[in-house]
Amino acid sequence: MPMTHQYRLLGSILAFSAVLFGAFGAHALKETLSAHDSVQTWETAVRYQMWHALALILLSSNGLSNPIPKMTGPCFVVGSLLFSGSLYGLALDGPKWLGPVTPLGGLCLMIGWLLLAHSSFNNKI
């Protein structure tokens, strides 16, 4: 596997685990960690939105001969809208039903990273 594919694979796995660990910290460690206030929630939404926006930009400038997995981009877009959008709403004291939307967005983001990692592992991009 060429080094560029190895870096892409590692980057995809690290990005996936960042989303996973973020969700783990927000839920499984909820009582251990300090409570999140609206500013922290907002900052989390912004951070995830920016990283995935940058990922989309990098994916769009893919100079390799093989295309990226077709669902990676849509997973990043939908995931960013659901994840960050619901956190923005919650930070602004929006309706509580937005709470269950956040993990759905996180799942979409993780799926996008796994698709990219799988493609890199199989040397398809």
PDB file of N, CA and C in Angstrom:
ATOM      1  N   MET A   1       0.855  -1.173   0.000  1.00  0.00           N
ATOM      2  CA  MET A   1       0.000   0.000   0.000  1.00  0.00           C
ATOM      3  C   MET A   1       0.903   1.239   0.000  1.00  0.00           C
ATOM      4  N   PRO A   2       0.716   2.161  -0.952  1.00  0.00           N
ATOM      5  CA  PRO A   2       1.529   3.379  -0.992  1.00  0.00           C
ATOM      6  C   PRO A   2       1.358   4.205   0.288  1.00  0.00           C
ATOM      7  N   MET A   3       2.372   4.970   0.614  1.00  0.00           N
ATOM      8  CA  MET A   3       2.363   5.771   1.842  1.00  0.00           C
ATOM      9  C   MET A   3       1.181   6.726   1.886  1.00  0.00           C
ATOM     10  N   THR A   4       0.799   7.324   0.748  1.00  0.00           N
ATOM     11  CA  THR A   4      -0.339   8.246   0.758  1.00  0.00           C
ATOM     12  C   THR A   4      -1.612   7.529   1.195  1.00  0.00           C
ATOM     13  N   HIS A   5      -1.763   6.280   0.788  1.00  0.00           N
ATOM     14  CA  HIS A   5      -2.938   5.509   1.211  1.00  0.00           C
ATOM     15  C   HIS A   5      -2.863   5.183   2.696  1.00  0.00           C
ATOM     16  N   GLN A   6      -1.670   4.909   3.187  1.00  0.00           N
ATOM     17  CA  GLN A   6      -1.514   4.610   4.609  1.00  0.00           C
ATOM     18  C   GLN A   6      -1.863   5.823   5.459  1.00  0.00           C
ATOM     19  N   TYR A   7      -1.408   7.001   5.032  1.00  0.00           N
ATOM     20  CA  TYR A   7      -1.742   8.209   5.774  1.00  0.00           C
ATOM     21  C   TYR A   7      -3.237   8.488   5.735  1.00  0.00           C
ATOM     22  N   ARG A   8      -3.835   8.271   4.577  1.00  0.00           N
ATOM     23  CA  ARG A   8      -5.280   8.497   4.459  1.00  0.00           C
ATOM     24  C   ARG A   8      -6.034   7.512   5.340  1.00  0.00           C
ATOM     25  N   LEU A   9      -5.581   6.265   5.353  1.00  0.00           N
ATOM     26  CA  LEU A   9      -6.218   5.258   6.203  1.00  0.00           C
ATOM     27  C   LEU A   9      -6.087   5.652   7.673  1.00  0.00           C
ATOM     28  N   LEU A  10      -4.894   6.012   8.098  1.00  0.00           N
ATOM     29  CA  LEU A  10      -4.690   6.402   9.488  1.00  0.00           C
ATOM     30  C   LEU A  10      -5.483   7.656   9.839  1.00  0.00           C
ATOM     31  N   GLY A  11      -5.494   8.624   8.937  1.00  0.00           N
ATOM     32  CA  GLY A  11      -6.270   9.838   9.172  1.00  0.00           C
ATOM     33  C   GLY A  11      -7.755   9.547   9.306  1.00  0.00           C
ATOM     34  N   SER A  12      -8.257   8.645   8.486  1.00  0.00           N
ATOM     35  CA  SER A  12      -9.672   8.284   8.547  1.00  0.00           C
ATOM     36  C   SER A  12      -9.996   7.589   9.860  1.00  0.00           C
ATOM     37  N   ILE A  13      -9.111   6.709  10.286  1.00  0.00           N
ATOM     38  CA  ILE A  13      -9.337   6.000  11.549  1.00  0.00           C
ATOM     39  C   ILE A  13      -9.262   6.968  12.727  1.00  0.00           C
ATOM     40  N   LEU A  14      -8.297   7.886  12.687  1.00  0.00           N
ATOM     41  CA  LEU A  14      -8.195   8.872  13.758  1.00  0.00           C
ATOM     42  C   LEU A  14      -9.417   9.788  13.799  1.00  0.00           C
ATOM     43  N   ALA A  15      -9.905  10.189  12.645  1.00  0.00           N
ATOM     44  CA  ALA A  15     -11.094  11.041  12.598  1.00  0.00           C
ATOM     45  C   ALA A  15     -12.317  10.287  13.118  1.00  0.00           C
ATOM     46  N   PHE A  16     -12.446   9.017  12.719  1.00  0.00           N
ATOM     47  CA  PHE A  16     -13.552   8.197  13.214  1.00  0.00           C
ATOM     48  C   PHE A  16     -13.485   8.091  14.730  1.00  0.00           C
ATOM     49  N   SER A  17     -12.300   7.809  15.251  1.00  0.00           N
ATOM     50  CA  SER A  17     -12.185   7.639  16.697  1.00  0.00           C
ATOM     51  C   SER A  17     -12.412   8.956  17.433  1.00  0.00           C
ATOM     52  N   ALA A  18     -12.074  10.095  16.821  1.00  0.00           N
ATOM     53  CA  ALA A  18     -12.345  11.386  17.446  1.00  0.00           C
ATOM     54  C   ALA A  18     -13.843  11.596  17.621  1.00  0.00           C
ATOM     55  N   VAL A  19     -14.617  11.266  16.602  1.00  0.00           N
ATOM     56  CA  VAL A  19     -16.073  11.386  16.704  1.00  0.00           C
ATOM     57  C   VAL A  19     -16.597  10.400  17.758  1.00  0.00           C
ATOM     58  N   LEU A  20     -16.077   9.184  17.717  1.00  0.00           N
ATOM     59  CA  LEU A  20     -16.502   8.156  18.677  1.00  0.00           C
ATOM     60  C   LEU A  20     -16.158   8.571  20.106  1.00  0.00           C
ATOM     61  N   PHE A  21     -14.921   9.041  20.335  1.00  0.00           N
ATOM     62  CA  PHE A  21     -14.508   9.441  21.676  1.00  0.00           C
ATOM     63  C   PHE A  21     -15.266  10.679  22.135  1.00  0.00           C
ATOM     64  N   GLY A  22     -15.580  11.565  21.217  1.00  0.00           N
ATOM     65  CA  GLY A  22     -16.387  12.733  21.571  1.00  0.00           C
ATOM     66  C   GLY A  22     -17.759  12.326  22.075  1.00  0.00           C
ATOM     67  N   ALA A  23     -18.369  11.366  21.384  1.00  0.00           N
ATOM     68  CA  ALA A  23     -19.679  10.859  21.815  1.00  0.00           C
ATOM     69  C   ALA A  23     -19.552  10.123  23.146  1.00  0.00           C
ATOM     70  N   PHE A  24     -18.487   9.351  23.301  1.00  0.00           N
ATOM     71  CA  PHE A  24     -18.270   8.607  24.551  1.00  0.00           C
ATOM     72  C   PHE A  24     -18.111   9.575  25.717  1.00  0.00           C
ATOM     73  N   GLY A  25     -17.336  10.620  25.529  1.00  0.00           N
ATOM     74  CA  GLY A  25     -17.137  11.596  26.591  1.00  0.00           C
ATOM     75  C   GLY A  25     -18.412  12.332  26.961  1.00  0.00           C
ATOM     76  N   ALA A  26     -19.226  12.614  25.966  1.00  0.00           N
ATOM     77  CA  ALA A  26     -20.463  13.356  26.207  1.00  0.00           C
ATOM     78  C   ALA A  26     -21.536  12.500  26.869  1.00  0.00           C
ATOM     79  N   HIS A  27     -21.450  11.183  26.701  1.00  0.00           N
ATOM     80  CA  HIS A  27     -22.511  10.324  27.223  1.00  0.00           C
ATOM     81  C   HIS A  27     -22.034   9.389  28.328  1.00  0.00           C
ATOM     82  N   ALA A  28     -21.084   8.537  28.044  1.00  0.00           N
ATOM     83  CA  ALA A  28     -20.647   7.548  29.024  1.00  0.00           C
ATOM     84  C   ALA A  28     -19.905   8.190  30.192  1.00  0.00           C
ATOM     85  N   LEU A  29     -19.222   9.290  29.948  1.00  0.00           N
ATOM     86  CA  LEU A  29     -18.466   9.972  31.001  1.00  0.00           C
ATOM     87  C   LEU A  29     -19.170  11.216  31.511  1.00  0.00           C
ATOM     88  N   LYS A  30     -20.444  11.307  31.226  1.00  0.00           N
ATOM     89  CA  LYS A  30     -21.219  12.507  31.534  1.00  0.00           C
ATOM     90  C   LYS A  30     -21.096  12.916  33.003  1.00  0.00           C
ATOM     91  N   GLU A  31     -21.204  11.956  33.923  1.00  0.00           N
ATOM     92  CA  GLU A  31     -21.147  12.277  35.345  1.00  0.00           C
ATOM     93  C   GLU A  31     -19.714  12.486  35.831  1.00  0.00           C
ATOM     94  N   THR A  32     -18.761  11.906  35.134  1.00  0.00           N
ATOM     95  CA  THR A  32     -17.361  12.044  35.524  1.00  0.00           C
ATOM     96  C   THR A  32     -16.810  13.394  35.115  1.00  0.00           C
ATOM     97  N   LEU A  33     -17.180  13.830  33.921  1.00  0.00           N
ATOM     98  CA  LEU A  33     -16.689  15.104  33.405  1.00  0.00           C
ATOM     99  C   LEU A  33     -17.587  16.236  33.865  1.00  0.00           C
ATOM    100  N   SER A  34     -17.075  17.447  33.815  1.00  0.00           N
ATOM    101  CA  SER A  34     -17.884  18.596  34.195  1.00  0.00           C
ATOM    102  C   SER A  34     -19.026  18.771  33.204  1.00  0.00           C
ATOM    103  N   ALA A  35     -20.119  19.306  33.685  1.00  0.00           N
ATOM    104  CA  ALA A  35     -21.304  19.504  32.845  1.00  0.00           C
ATOM    105  C   ALA A  35     -21.020  20.513  31.739  1.00  0.00           C
ATOM    106  N   HIS A  36     -21.615  20.275  30.594  1.00  0.00           N
ATOM    107  CA  HIS A  36     -21.457  21.195  29.462  1.00  0.00           C
ATOM    108  C   HIS A  36     -22.460  22.333  29.589  1.00  0.00           C
ATOM    109  N   ASP A  37     -21.968  23.555  29.371  1.00  0.00           N
ATOM    110  CA  ASP A  37     -22.912  24.655  29.306  1.00  0.00           C
ATOM    111  C   ASP A  37     -23.123  25.017  27.843  1.00  0.00           C
ATOM    112  N   SER A  38     -23.910  26.012  27.600  1.00  0.00           N
ATOM    113  CA  SER A  38     -24.264  26.362  26.220  1.00  0.00           C
ATOM    114  C   SER A  38     -23.055  26.762  25.388  1.00  0.00           C
ATOM    115  N   VAL A  39     -22.092  27.441  25.974  1.00  0.00           N
ATOM    116  CA  VAL A  39     -20.906  27.861  25.226  1.00  0.00           C
ATOM    117  C   VAL A  39     -20.095  26.646  24.789  1.00  0.00           C
ATOM    118  N   GLN A  40     -19.898  25.694  25.676  1.00  0.00           N
ATOM    119  CA  GLN A  40     -19.149  24.488  25.327  1.00  0.00           C
ATOM    120  C   GLN A  40     -19.878  23.688  24.255  1.00  0.00           C
ATOM    121  N   THR A  41     -21.182  23.600  24.358  1.00  0.00           N
ATOM    122  CA  THR A  41     -21.974  22.885  23.354  1.00  0.00           C
ATOM    123  C   THR A  41     -21.823  23.558  21.999  1.00  0.00           C
ATOM    124  N   TRP A  42     -21.914  24.872  21.989  1.00  0.00           N
ATOM    125  CA  TRP A  42     -21.768  25.632  20.746  1.00  0.00           C
ATOM    126  C   TRP A  42     -20.383  25.413  20.148  1.00  0.00           C
ATOM    127  N   GLU A  43     -19.343  25.481  20.985  1.00  0.00           N
ATOM    128  CA  GLU A  43     -17.969  25.291  20.503  1.00  0.00           C
ATOM    129  C   GLU A  43     -17.765  23.890  19.919  1.00  0.00           C
ATOM    130  N   THR A  44     -18.388  22.906  20.518  1.00  0.00           N
ATOM    131  CA  THR A  44     -18.307  21.549  19.979  1.00  0.00           C
ATOM    132  C   THR A  44     -18.939  21.483  18.602  1.00  0.00           C
ATOM    133  N   ALA A  45     -20.097  22.091  18.459  1.00  0.00           N
ATOM    134  CA  ALA A  45     -20.783  22.102  17.160  1.00  0.00           C
ATOM    135  C   ALA A  45     -19.926  22.771  16.098  1.00  0.00           C
ATOM    136  N   VAL A  46     -19.333  23.895  16.449  1.00  0.00           N
ATOM    137  CA  VAL A  46     -18.500  24.624  15.499  1.00  0.00           C
ATOM    138  C   VAL A  46     -17.270  23.807  15.118  1.00  0.00           C
ATOM    139  N   ARG A  47     -16.628  23.211  16.100  1.00  0.00           N
ATOM    140  CA  ARG A  47     -15.406  22.432  15.846  1.00  0.00           C
ATOM    141  C   ARG A  47     -15.686  21.258  14.910  1.00  0.00           C
ATOM    142  N   TYR A  48     -16.735  20.493  15.183  1.00  0.00           N
ATOM    143  CA  TYR A  48     -17.060  19.356  14.313  1.00  0.00           C
ATOM    144  C   TYR A  48     -17.464  19.828  12.925  1.00  0.00           C
ATOM    145  N   GLN A  49     -18.208  20.899  12.864  1.00  0.00           N
ATOM    146  CA  GLN A  49     -18.621  21.416  11.560  1.00  0.00           C
ATOM    147  C   GLN A  49     -17.402  21.835  10.747  1.00  0.00           C
ATOM    148  N   MET A  50     -16.451  22.529  11.373  1.00  0.00           N
ATOM    149  CA  MET A  50     -15.276  22.999  10.646  1.00  0.00           C
ATOM    150  C   MET A  50     -14.403  21.843  10.176  1.00  0.00           C
ATOM    151  N   TRP A  51     -14.145  20.883  11.032  1.00  0.00           N
ATOM    152  CA  TRP A  51     -13.298  19.757  10.625  1.00  0.00           C
ATOM    153  C   TRP A  51     -13.914  18.995   9.457  1.00  0.00           C
ATOM    154  N   HIS A  52     -15.227  18.834   9.489  1.00  0.00           N
ATOM    155  CA  HIS A  52     -15.860  18.075   8.405  1.00  0.00           C
ATOM    156  C   HIS A  52     -16.008  18.926   7.143  1.00  0.00           C
ATOM    157  N   ALA A  53     -16.092  20.224   7.309  1.00  0.00           N
ATOM    158  CA  ALA A  53     -16.062  21.096   6.135  1.00  0.00           C
ATOM    159  C   ALA A  53     -14.699  20.997   5.452  1.00  0.00           C
ATOM    160  N   LEU A  54     -13.638  21.025   6.247  1.00  0.00           N
ATOM    161  CA  LEU A  54     -12.297  20.869   5.684  1.00  0.00           C
ATOM    162  C   LEU A  54     -12.123  19.507   5.026  1.00  0.00           C
ATOM    163  N   ALA A  55     -12.690  18.487   5.635  1.00  0.00           N
ATOM    164  CA  ALA A  55     -12.616  17.145   5.040  1.00  0.00           C
ATOM    165  C   ALA A  55     -13.302  17.121   3.678  1.00  0.00           C
ATOM    166  N   LEU A  56     -14.448  17.775   3.584  1.00  0.00           N
ATOM    167  CA  LEU A  56     -15.150  17.832   2.303  1.00  0.00           C
ATOM    168  C   LEU A  56     -14.326  18.579   1.253  1.00  0.00           C
ATOM    169  N   ILE A  57     -13.674  19.651   1.674  1.00  0.00           N
ATOM    170  CA  ILE A  57     -12.836  20.403   0.736  1.00  0.00           C
ATOM    171  C   ILE A  57     -11.685  19.528   0.247  1.00  0.00           C
ATOM    172  N   LEU A  58     -11.054  18.823   1.147  1.00  0.00           N
ATOM    173  CA  LEU A  58      -9.965  17.940   0.753  1.00  0.00           C
ATOM    174  C   LEU A  58     -10.460  16.819  -0.159  1.00  0.00           C
ATOM    175  N   LEU A  59     -11.633  16.287   0.144  1.00  0.00           N
ATOM    176  CA  LEU A  59     -12.187  15.231  -0.710  1.00  0.00           C
ATOM    177  C   LEU A  59     -12.490  15.762  -2.105  1.00  0.00           C
ATOM    178  N   SER A  60     -12.929  17.007  -2.172  1.00  0.00           N
ATOM    179  CA  SER A  60     -13.271  17.565  -3.482  1.00  0.00           C
ATOM    180  C   SER A  60     -12.040  17.848  -4.331  1.00  0.00           C
ATOM    181  N   SER A  61     -10.879  17.976  -3.698  1.00  0.00           N
ATOM    182  CA  SER A  61      -9.654  18.235  -4.449  1.00  0.00           C
ATOM    183  C   SER A  61      -8.830  16.959  -4.629  1.00  0.00           C
ATOM    184  N   ASN A  62      -9.476  15.830  -4.519  1.00  0.00           N
ATOM    185  CA  ASN A  62      -8.802  14.539  -4.659  1.00  0.00           C
ATOM    186  C   ASN A  62      -8.178  14.434  -6.048  1.00  0.00           C
ATOM    187  N   GLY A  63      -6.846  14.432  -6.098  1.00  0.00           N
ATOM    188  CA  GLY A  63      -6.147  14.365  -7.373  1.00  0.00           C
ATOM    189  C   GLY A  63      -5.798  12.952  -7.795  1.00  0.00           C
ATOM    190  N   LEU A  64      -6.293  11.968  -7.067  1.00  0.00           N
ATOM    191  CA  LEU A  64      -5.973  10.584  -7.397  1.00  0.00           C
ATOM    192  C   LEU A  64      -6.890  10.071  -8.492  1.00  0.00           C
ATOM    193  N   SER A  65      -6.466   9.010  -9.144  1.00  0.00           N
ATOM    194  CA  SER A  65      -7.229   8.499 -10.287  1.00  0.00           C
ATOM    195  C   SER A  65      -8.519   7.799  -9.864  1.00  0.00           C
ATOM    196  N   ASN A  66      -8.559   7.251  -8.677  1.00  0.00           N
ATOM    197  CA  ASN A  66      -9.760   6.540  -8.225  1.00  0.00           C
ATOM    198  C   ASN A  66     -10.646   7.476  -7.422  1.00  0.00           C
ATOM    199  N   PRO A  67     -11.952   7.436  -7.623  1.00  0.00           N
ATOM    200  CA  PRO A  67     -12.854   8.332  -6.895  1.00  0.00           C
ATOM    201  C   PRO A  67     -13.002   7.903  -5.433  1.00  0.00           C
ATOM    202  N   ILE A  68     -13.390   8.865  -4.614  1.00  0.00           N
ATOM    203  CA  ILE A  68     -13.686   8.550  -3.225  1.00  0.00           C
ATOM    204  C   ILE A  68     -14.998   7.759  -3.183  1.00  0.00           C
ATOM    205  N   PRO A  69     -15.245   7.028  -2.093  1.00  0.00           N
ATOM    206  CA  PRO A  69     -16.528   6.344  -1.996  1.00  0.00           C
ATOM    207  C   PRO A  69     -17.673   7.340  -2.155  1.00  0.00           C
ATOM    208  N   LYS A  70     -18.658   6.978  -2.930  1.00  0.00           N
ATOM    209  CA  LYS A  70     -19.734   7.911  -3.292  1.00  0.00           C
ATOM    210  C   LYS A  70     -20.509   8.441  -2.091  1.00  0.00           C
ATOM    211  N   MET A  71     -20.595   7.685  -1.024  1.00  0.00           N
ATOM    212  CA  MET A  71     -21.395   8.110   0.119  1.00  0.00           C
ATOM    213  C   MET A  71     -20.598   8.876   1.177  1.00  0.00           C
ATOM    214  N   THR A  72     -19.276   8.997   1.014  1.00  0.00           N
ATOM    215  CA  THR A  72     -18.481   9.707   2.015  1.00  0.00           C
ATOM    216  C   THR A  72     -18.918  11.162   2.134  1.00  0.00           C
ATOM    217  N   GLY A  73     -18.964  11.875   1.035  1.00  0.00           N
ATOM    218  CA  GLY A  73     -19.379  13.279   1.053  1.00  0.00           C
ATOM    219  C   GLY A  73     -20.772  13.479   1.616  1.00  0.00           C
ATOM    220  N   PRO A  74     -21.767  12.735   1.106  1.00  0.00           N
ATOM    221  CA  PRO A  74     -23.109  12.884   1.677  1.00  0.00           C
ATOM    222  C   PRO A  74     -23.178  12.574   3.170  1.00  0.00           C
ATOM    223  N   CYS A  75     -22.413  11.584   3.622  1.00  0.00           N
ATOM    224  CA  CYS A  75     -22.391  11.278   5.060  1.00  0.00           C
ATOM    225  C   CYS A  75     -21.840  12.453   5.854  1.00  0.00           C
ATOM    226  N   PHE A  76     -20.785  13.104   5.332  1.00  0.00           N
ATOM    227  CA  PHE A  76     -20.226  14.262   6.011  1.00  0.00           C
ATOM    228  C   PHE A  76     -21.207  15.426   6.022  1.00  0.00           C
ATOM    229  N   VAL A  77     -21.896  15.649   4.923  1.00  0.00           N
ATOM    230  CA  VAL A  77     -22.844  16.763   4.843  1.00  0.00           C
ATOM    231  C   VAL A  77     -24.026  16.539   5.782  1.00  0.00           C
ATOM    232  N   VAL A  78     -24.677  15.386   5.652  1.00  0.00           N
ATOM    233  CA  VAL A  78     -25.842  15.082   6.496  1.00  0.00           C
ATOM    234  C   VAL A  78     -25.431  15.023   7.964  1.00  0.00           C
ATOM    235  N   GLY A  79     -24.296  14.370   8.226  1.00  0.00           N
ATOM    236  CA  GLY A  79     -23.822  14.271   9.602  1.00  0.00           C
ATOM    237  C   GLY A  79     -23.543  15.635  10.209  1.00  0.00           C
ATOM    238  N   SER A  80     -22.912  16.513   9.449  1.00  0.00           N
ATOM    239  CA  SER A  80     -22.625  17.864   9.954  1.00  0.00           C
ATOM    240  C   SER A  80     -23.905  18.643  10.225  1.00  0.00           C
ATOM    241  N   LEU A  81     -24.853  18.540   9.308  1.00  0.00           N
ATOM    242  CA  LEU A  81     -26.120  19.250   9.504  1.00  0.00           C
ATOM    243  C   LEU A  81     -26.864  18.739  10.737  1.00  0.00           C
ATOM    244  N   LEU A  82     -26.949  17.423  10.883  1.00  0.00           N
ATOM    245  CA  LEU A  82     -27.666  16.858  12.031  1.00  0.00           C
ATOM    246  C   LEU A  82     -26.913  17.085  13.340  1.00  0.00           C
ATOM    247  N   PHE A  83     -25.606  16.775  13.334  1.00  0.00           N
ATOM    248  CA  PHE A  83     -24.824  16.877  14.566  1.00  0.00           C
ATOM    249  C   PHE A  83     -24.685  18.328  15.012  1.00  0.00           C
ATOM    250  N   SER A  84     -24.061  19.134  14.179  1.00  0.00           N
ATOM    251  CA  SER A  84     -23.825  20.526  14.573  1.00  0.00           C
ATOM    252  C   SER A  84     -25.128  21.312  14.661  1.00  0.00           C
ATOM    253  N   GLY A  85     -26.034  21.068  13.717  1.00  0.00           N
ATOM    254  CA  GLY A  85     -27.311  21.784  13.739  1.00  0.00           C
ATOM    255  C   GLY A  85     -28.093  21.546  15.021  1.00  0.00           C
ATOM    256  N   SER A  86     -28.156  20.297  15.467  1.00  0.00           N
ATOM    257  CA  SER A  86     -28.885  20.000  16.702  1.00  0.00           C
ATOM    258  C   SER A  86     -28.180  20.608  17.916  1.00  0.00           C
ATOM    259  N   LEU A  87     -26.840  20.602  17.924  1.00  0.00           N
ATOM    260  CA  LEU A  87     -26.118  21.218  19.048  1.00  0.00           C
ATOM    261  C   LEU A  87     -26.311  22.728  19.075  1.00  0.00           C
ATOM    262  N   TYR A  88     -26.332  23.351  17.896  1.00  0.00           N
ATOM    263  CA  TYR A  88     -26.622  24.788  17.858  1.00  0.00           C
ATOM    264  C   TYR A  88     -27.989  25.060  18.481  1.00  0.00           C
ATOM    265  N   GLY A  89     -28.975  24.266  18.075  1.00  0.00           N
ATOM    266  CA  GLY A  89     -30.318  24.449  18.613  1.00  0.00           C
ATOM    267  C   GLY A  89     -30.373  24.233  20.117  1.00  0.00           C
ATOM    268  N   LEU A  90     -29.701  23.192  20.592  1.00  0.00           N
ATOM    269  CA  LEU A  90     -29.697  22.920  22.031  1.00  0.00           C
ATOM    270  C   LEU A  90     -28.976  24.017  22.809  1.00  0.00           C
ATOM    271  N   ALA A  91     -27.892  24.533  22.250  1.00  0.00           N
ATOM    272  CA  ALA A  91     -27.159  25.600  22.926  1.00  0.00           C
ATOM    273  C   ALA A  91     -28.001  26.865  23.056  1.00  0.00           C
ATOM    274  N   LEU A  92     -28.937  27.029  22.129  1.00  0.00           N
ATOM    275  CA  LEU A  92     -29.817  28.197  22.154  1.00  0.00           C
ATOM    276  C   LEU A  92     -31.143  27.900  22.855  1.00  0.00           C
ATOM    277  N   ASP A  93     -31.139  26.851  23.690  1.00  0.00           N
ATOM    278  CA  ASP A  93     -32.335  26.423  24.428  1.00  0.00           C
ATOM    279  C   ASP A  93     -33.485  26.050  23.507  1.00  0.00           C
ATOM    280  N   GLY A  94     -33.145  25.405  22.387  1.00  0.00           N
ATOM    281  CA  GLY A  94     -34.152  24.924  21.446  1.00  0.00           C
ATOM    282  C   GLY A  94     -34.910  23.741  22.030  1.00  0.00           C
ATOM    283  N   PRO A  95     -35.814  23.177  21.248  1.00  0.00           N
ATOM    284  CA  PRO A  95     -36.630  22.062  21.738  1.00  0.00           C
ATOM    285  C   PRO A  95     -35.765  20.856  22.129  1.00  0.00           C
ATOM    286  N   LYS A  96     -36.174  20.178  23.180  1.00  0.00           N
ATOM    287  CA  LYS A  96     -35.404  19.042  23.710  1.00  0.00           C
ATOM    288  C   LYS A  96     -35.366  17.860  22.750  1.00  0.00           C
ATOM    289  N   TRP A  97     -36.295  17.796  21.785  1.00  0.00           N
ATOM    290  CA  TRP A  97     -36.274  16.679  20.836  1.00  0.00           C
ATOM    291  C   TRP A  97     -35.033  16.727  19.945  1.00  0.00           C
ATOM    292  N   LEU A  98     -34.311  17.859  19.949  1.00  0.00           N
ATOM    293  CA  LEU A  98     -33.070  17.935  19.177  1.00  0.00           C
ATOM    294  C   LEU A  98     -31.981  17.036  19.762  1.00  0.00           C
ATOM    295  N   GLY A  99     -32.076  16.738  21.059  1.00  0.00           N
ATOM    296  CA  GLY A  99     -31.079  15.894  21.722  1.00  0.00           C
ATOM    297  C   GLY A  99     -30.843  14.563  21.027  1.00  0.00           C
ATOM    298  N   PRO A 100     -31.887  13.796  20.701  1.00  0.00           N
ATOM    299  CA  PRO A 100     -31.671  12.520  20.021  1.00  0.00           C
ATOM    300  C   PRO A 100     -31.193  12.646  18.573  1.00  0.00           C
ATOM    301  N   VAL A 101     -31.272  13.837  17.992  1.00  0.00           N
ATOM    302  CA  VAL A 101     -30.806  14.041  16.619  1.00  0.00           C
ATOM    303  C   VAL A 101     -29.274  14.066  16.572  1.00  0.00           C
ATOM    304  N   THR A 102     -28.643  14.577  17.624  1.00  0.00           N
ATOM    305  CA  THR A 102     -27.187  14.726  17.657  1.00  0.00           C
ATOM    306  C   THR A 102     -26.455  13.409  17.409  1.00  0.00           C
ATOM    307  N   PRO A 103     -26.799  12.314  18.119  1.00  0.00           N
ATOM    308  CA  PRO A 103     -26.070  11.067  17.859  1.00  0.00           C
ATOM    309  C   PRO A 103     -26.304  10.509  16.454  1.00  0.00           C
ATOM    310  N   LEU A 104     -27.453  10.803  15.864  1.00  0.00           N
ATOM    311  CA  LEU A 104     -27.681  10.366  14.479  1.00  0.00           C
ATOM    312  C   LEU A 104     -26.698  11.063  13.540  1.00  0.00           C
ATOM    313  N   GLY A 105     -26.461  12.348  13.788  1.00  0.00           N
ATOM    314  CA  GLY A 105     -25.475  13.080  13.001  1.00  0.00           C
ATOM    315  C   GLY A 105     -24.080  12.529  13.217  1.00  0.00           C
ATOM    316  N   GLY A 106     -23.746  12.232  14.469  1.00  0.00           N
ATOM    317  CA  GLY A 106     -22.445  11.641  14.774  1.00  0.00           C
ATOM    318  C   GLY A 106     -22.257  10.303  14.092  1.00  0.00           C
ATOM    319  N   LEU A 107     -23.310   9.515  14.033  1.00  0.00           N
ATOM    320  CA  LEU A 107     -23.251   8.221  13.350  1.00  0.00           C
ATOM    321  C   LEU A 107     -22.981   8.407  11.858  1.00  0.00           C
ATOM    322  N   CYS A 108     -23.625   9.391  11.248  1.00  0.00           N
ATOM    323  CA  CYS A 108     -23.367   9.687   9.829  1.00  0.00           C
ATOM    324  C   CYS A 108     -21.911  10.087   9.607  1.00  0.00           C
ATOM    325  N   LEU A 109     -21.365  10.907  10.512  1.00  0.00           N
ATOM    326  CA  LEU A 109     -19.964  11.315  10.389  1.00  0.00           C
ATOM    327  C   LEU A 109     -19.037  10.108  10.501  1.00  0.00           C
ATOM    328  N   MET A 110     -19.303   9.248  11.476  1.00  0.00           N
ATOM    329  CA  MET A 110     -18.474   8.053  11.651  1.00  0.00           C
ATOM    330  C   MET A 110     -18.548   7.130  10.439  1.00  0.00           C
ATOM    331  N   ILE A 111     -19.738   6.985   9.873  1.00  0.00           N
ATOM    332  CA  ILE A 111     -19.898   6.151   8.674  1.00  0.00           C
ATOM    333  C   ILE A 111     -19.072   6.720   7.528  1.00  0.00           C
ATOM    334  N   GLY A 112     -19.098   8.045   7.359  1.00  0.00           N
ATOM    335  CA  GLY A 112     -18.296   8.680   6.314  1.00  0.00           C
ATOM    336  C   GLY A 112     -16.816   8.384   6.478  1.00  0.00           C
ATOM    337  N   TRP A 113     -16.307   8.492   7.708  1.00  0.00           N
ATOM    338  CA  TRP A 113     -14.888   8.200   7.950  1.00  0.00           C
ATOM    339  C   TRP A 113     -14.578   6.725   7.745  1.00  0.00           C
ATOM    340  N   LEU A 114     -15.494   5.857   8.156  1.00  0.00           N
ATOM    341  CA  LEU A 114     -15.263   4.421   7.941  1.00  0.00           C
ATOM    342  C   LEU A 114     -15.257   4.065   6.460  1.00  0.00           C
ATOM    343  N   LEU A 115     -16.128   4.702   5.681  1.00  0.00           N
ATOM    344  CA  LEU A 115     -16.124   4.470   4.237  1.00  0.00           C
ATOM    345  C   LEU A 115     -14.787   4.871   3.629  1.00  0.00           C
ATOM    346  N   LEU A 116     -14.282   6.015   4.057  1.00  0.00           N
ATOM    347  CA  LEU A 116     -12.997   6.477   3.544  1.00  0.00           C
ATOM    348  C   LEU A 116     -11.866   5.549   3.986  1.00  0.00           C
ATOM    349  N   ALA A 117     -11.893   5.112   5.233  1.00  0.00           N
ATOM    350  CA  ALA A 117     -10.870   4.185   5.732  1.00  0.00           C
ATOM    351  C   ALA A 117     -10.928   2.855   4.991  1.00  0.00           C
ATOM    352  N   HIS A 118     -12.129   2.333   4.794  1.00  0.00           N
ATOM    353  CA  HIS A 118     -12.292   1.060   4.089  1.00  0.00           C
ATOM    354  C   HIS A 118     -11.767   1.163   2.668  1.00  0.00           C
ATOM    355  N   SER A 119     -12.081   2.262   2.007  1.00  0.00           N
ATOM    356  CA  SER A 119     -11.615   2.474   0.648  1.00  0.00           C
ATOM    357  C   SER A 119     -10.095   2.573   0.605  1.00  0.00           C
ATOM    358  N   SER A 120      -9.510   3.282   1.574  1.00  0.00           N
ATOM    359  CA  SER A 120      -8.055   3.400   1.639  1.00  0.00           C
ATOM    360  C   SER A 120      -7.416   2.058   1.918  1.00  0.00           C
ATOM    361  N   PHE A 121      -8.001   1.314   2.820  1.00  0.00           N
ATOM    362  CA  PHE A 121      -7.467  -0.008   3.176  1.00  0.00           C
ATOM    363  C   PHE A 121      -7.461  -0.924   1.956  1.00  0.00           C
ATOM    364  N   ASN A 122      -8.502  -0.824   1.154  1.00  0.00           N
ATOM    365  CA  ASN A 122      -8.602  -1.642  -0.043  1.00  0.00           C
ATOM    366  C   ASN A 122      -7.865  -1.031  -1.222  1.00  0.00           C
ATOM    367  N   ASN A 123      -7.141   0.060  -0.975  1.00  0.00           N
ATOM    368  CA  ASN A 123      -6.338   0.723  -1.999  1.00  0.00           C
ATOM    369  C   ASN A 123      -7.177   1.177  -3.190  1.00  0.00           C
ATOM    370  N   LYS A 124      -8.377   1.683  -2.872  1.00  0.00           N
ATOM    371  CA  LYS A 124      -9.274   2.122  -3.935  1.00  0.00           C
ATOM    372  C   LYS A 124      -9.218   3.623  -4.165  1.00  0.00           C
ATOM    373  N   ILE A 125      -8.512   4.349  -3.315  1.00  0.00           N
ATOM    374  CA  ILE A 125      -8.396   5.791  -3.561  1.00  0.00           C
ATOM    375  C   ILE A 125      -6.957   6.210  -3.409  1.00  0.00           C
TER     376      ILE A 125
END
